[in-house]
C-alpha atoms as a PDB file:
ATOM      1  CA  MET A   1       9.266  26.670  11.422  1.00  0.00           C
ATOM      2  CA  ARG A   2       7.574  26.981   7.579  1.00  0.00           C
ATOM      3  CA  PRO A   3       6.214  23.960   5.864  1.00  0.00           C
ATOM      4  CA  ARG A   4       8.453  22.681   3.189  1.00  0.00           C
ATOM      5  CA  ARG A   5       7.176  22.722  -0.215  1.00  0.00           C
ATOM      6  CA  VAL A   6       7.270  20.085  -2.800  1.00  0.00           C
ATOM      7  CA  THR A   7       7.561  20.174  -6.857  1.00  0.00           C
ATOM      8  CA  MET A   8       5.406  18.324  -9.051  1.00  0.00           C
ATOM      9  CA  ALA A   9       8.564  16.359 -10.140  1.00  0.00           C
ATOM     10  CA  GLN A  10       9.786  15.480  -6.670  1.00  0.00           C
ATOM     11  CA  ALA A  11       6.109  14.102  -5.445  1.00  0.00           C
ATOM     12  CA  GLN A  12       6.580  12.299  -8.884  1.00  0.00           C
ATOM     13  CA  ARG A  13       9.658  10.565  -8.184  1.00  0.00           C
ATOM     14  CA  ALA A  14       8.183   9.754  -4.523  1.00  0.00           C
ATOM     15  CA  TRP A  15       5.573   8.369  -6.319  1.00  0.00           C
ATOM     16  CA  ASP A  16       7.266   6.219  -8.646  1.00  0.00           C
ATOM     17  CA  ASN A  17       9.559   4.960  -5.691  1.00  0.00           C
ATOM     18  CA  LEU A  18       6.537   3.533  -3.611  1.00  0.00           C
ATOM     19  CA  THR A  19       5.769  -0.220  -3.931  1.00  0.00           C
ATOM     20  CA  PRO A  20       2.154  -1.486  -3.923  1.00  0.00           C
ATOM     21  CA  GLU A  21       2.598  -2.349   0.189  1.00  0.00           C
ATOM     22  CA  ASP A  22       3.612   1.606   0.546  1.00  0.00           C
ATOM     23  CA  VAL A  23       0.341   2.208  -0.886  1.00  0.00           C
ATOM     24  CA  TYR A  24      -2.158  -0.525  -0.139  1.00  0.00           C
ATOM     25  CA  GLY A  25      -0.646  -1.983   2.444  1.00  0.00           C
ATOM     26  CA  PRO A  26       0.392  -5.819   2.714  1.00  0.00           C
ATOM     27  CA  ASP A  27      -1.538  -8.796   0.517  1.00  0.00           C
ATOM     28  CA  GLU A  28      -1.652 -10.971   3.324  1.00  0.00           C
ATOM     29  CA  PRO A  29      -3.138 -10.615   7.261  1.00  0.00           C
ATOM     30  CA  GLU A  30       0.655 -10.522   9.102  1.00  0.00           C
ATOM     31  CA  GLU A  31      -0.574 -13.216  11.932  1.00  0.00           C
ATOM     32  CA  GLU A  32      -2.795 -16.040  11.631  1.00  0.00           C
ATOM     33  CA  GLU A  33      -6.033 -14.921  13.555  1.00  0.00           C
ATOM     34  CA  ALA A  34      -9.793 -15.292  11.781  1.00  0.00           C
ATOM     35  CA  VAL A  35     -10.383 -13.614   8.818  1.00  0.00           C
ATOM     36  CA  PRO A  36     -13.352 -10.895   9.104  1.00  0.00           C
ATOM     37  CA  MET A  37     -15.735 -10.746   6.334  1.00  0.00           C
ATOM     38  CA  MET A  38     -16.344  -7.981   4.460  1.00  0.00           C
ATOM     39  CA  ARG A  39     -19.917  -7.195   3.351  1.00  0.00           C
ATOM     40  CA  VAL A  40     -21.523  -4.773   0.618  1.00  0.00           C
ATOM     41  CA  THR A  41     -24.333  -2.788   2.319  1.00  0.00           C
ATOM     42  CA  ASP A  42     -27.623  -1.457  -0.480  1.00  0.00           C
ATOM     43  CA  ASP A  43     -25.524   1.822  -0.397  1.00  0.00           C
ATOM     44  CA  CYS A  44     -23.174   0.559  -2.979  1.00  0.00           C
ATOM     45  CA  VAL A  45     -23.325   2.797  -6.195  1.00  0.00           C
ATOM     46  CA  GLU A  46     -21.521   0.595  -8.401  1.00  0.00           C
ATOM     47  CA  CYS A  47     -18.639   3.496  -8.942  1.00  0.00           C
ATOM     48  CA  GLY A  48     -15.938   0.882  -8.949  1.00  0.00           C
ATOM     49  CA  SER A  49     -13.296   2.259  -6.688  1.00  0.00           C
ATOM     50  CA  CYS A  50     -13.453  -1.120  -4.415  1.00  0.00           C
ATOM     51  CA  GLN A  51     -11.876  -2.754  -7.459  1.00  0.00           C
ATOM     52  CA  THR A  52      -9.212  -0.166  -9.044  1.00  0.00           C
ATOM     53  CA  GLY A  53      -9.262   2.609  -6.475  1.00  0.00           C
ATOM     54  CA  ILE A  54      -8.827   6.193  -6.796  1.00  0.00           C
ATOM     55  CA  ASP A  55      -6.149   5.999 -10.283  1.00  0.00           C
ATOM     56  CA  MET A  56      -8.169   3.096 -11.994  1.00  0.00           C
ATOM     57  CA  THR A  57      -5.184   1.649 -12.982  1.00  0.00           C
ATOM     58  CA  LYS A  58      -4.308  -0.943  -9.542  1.00  0.00           C
ATOM     59  CA  PRO A  59      -6.915  -3.385  -8.594  1.00  0.00           C
ATOM     60  CA  VAL A  60      -7.379  -2.771  -4.936  1.00  0.00           C
ATOM     61  CA  CYS A  61      -8.140  -6.659  -3.952  1.00  0.00           C
ATOM     62  CA  PRO A  62      -4.764  -8.649  -3.767  1.00  0.00           C
ATOM     63  CA  LYS A  63      -6.876 -11.656  -4.899  1.00  0.00           C
ATOM     64  CA  GLY A  64      -9.249 -10.487  -6.876  1.00  0.00           C
ATOM     65  CA  ALA A  65     -12.397 -10.826  -5.066  1.00  0.00           C
ATOM     66  CA  ILE A  66     -14.199  -8.037  -5.746  1.00  0.00           C
ATOM     67  CA  THR A  67     -16.569  -8.034  -8.991  1.00  0.00           C
ATOM     68  CA  ILE A  68     -20.148  -5.865  -9.723  1.00  0.00           C
ATOM     69  CA  GLU A  69     -23.052  -7.542 -10.899  1.00  0.00           C
ATOM     70  CA  ASP A  70     -26.200  -6.578 -10.757  1.00  0.00           C
ATOM     71  CA  GLY A  71     -25.382  -2.833  -9.971  1.00  0.00           C
ATOM     72  CA  LYS A  72     -23.685  -3.664  -6.765  1.00  0.00           C
ATOM     73  CA  ALA A  73     -20.533  -4.669  -5.851  1.00  0.00           C
ATOM     74  CA  GLU A  74     -20.018  -8.476  -4.548  1.00  0.00           C
ATOM     75  CA  ILE A  75     -17.057 -10.201  -2.719  1.00  0.00           C
ATOM     76  CA  ASP A  76     -16.550 -14.010  -3.293  1.00  0.00           C
ATOM     77  CA  GLN A  77     -15.899 -15.001   0.416  1.00  0.00           C
ATOM     78  CA  GLU A  78     -14.167 -18.166  -0.473  1.00  0.00           C
ATOM     79  CA  ILE A  79     -11.183 -15.887  -1.946  1.00  0.00           C
ATOM     80  CA  CYS A  80     -11.772 -12.837  -0.099  1.00  0.00           C
ATOM     81  CA  ILE A  81      -8.255 -12.539   2.722  1.00  0.00           C
ATOM     82  CA  GLY A  82      -9.637 -10.011   4.887  1.00  0.00           C
ATOM     83  CA  CYS A  83      -7.047  -7.325   4.247  1.00  0.00           C
ATOM     84  CA  GLY A  84      -9.776  -4.336   4.336  1.00  0.00           C
ATOM     85  CA  ARG A  85      -8.449  -2.565   1.461  1.00  0.00           C
ATOM     86  CA  CYS A  86     -11.679  -2.478  -0.290  1.00  0.00           C
ATOM     87  CA  VAL A  87     -13.215  -0.805   2.778  1.00  0.00           C
ATOM     88  CA  LYS A  88     -10.610   1.993   2.705  1.00  0.00           C
ATOM     89  CA  PHE A  89     -11.275   2.531  -0.954  1.00  0.00           C
ATOM     90  CA  CYS A  90     -15.295   2.496  -0.943  1.00  0.00           C
ATOM     91  CA  GLY A  91     -16.076   5.997  -1.291  1.00  0.00           C
ATOM     92  CA  VAL A  92     -19.925   5.939   0.300  1.00  0.00           C
ATOM     93  CA  GLY A  93     -19.382   3.434   3.130  1.00  0.00           C
ATOM     94  CA  ALA A  94     -21.005   0.662   1.347  1.00  0.00           C
ATOM     95  CA  ILE A  95     -18.417  -1.820   2.166  1.00  0.00           C
ATOM     96  CA  VAL A  96     -17.910  -2.895   6.170  1.00  0.00           C
ATOM     97  CA  GLU A  97     -16.311  -5.593   7.933  1.00  0.00           C
ATOM     98  CA  GLU A  98     -18.249  -8.090  10.143  1.00  0.00           C
END
């Protein structure tokens, strides 16, 4: 069976129908459990992908816990819900779960 070809118009319609949850996952952890702590390592290159993702328009963190300060991403642990989106979007692997 040959792979199905998709036109750009079909791909754009599919993208337009996606919700933020489809792309980024749920805003809150589904179960009540301990919230994992996210930590930014010294590997951070201040690219900003942990803040705005690949398309540079939508915030990655649903709570806005990530800022860039002194040349490094900072995660406000008081706001962070431990969803792990920033870990997935960091292109250099500088954000780790503890």
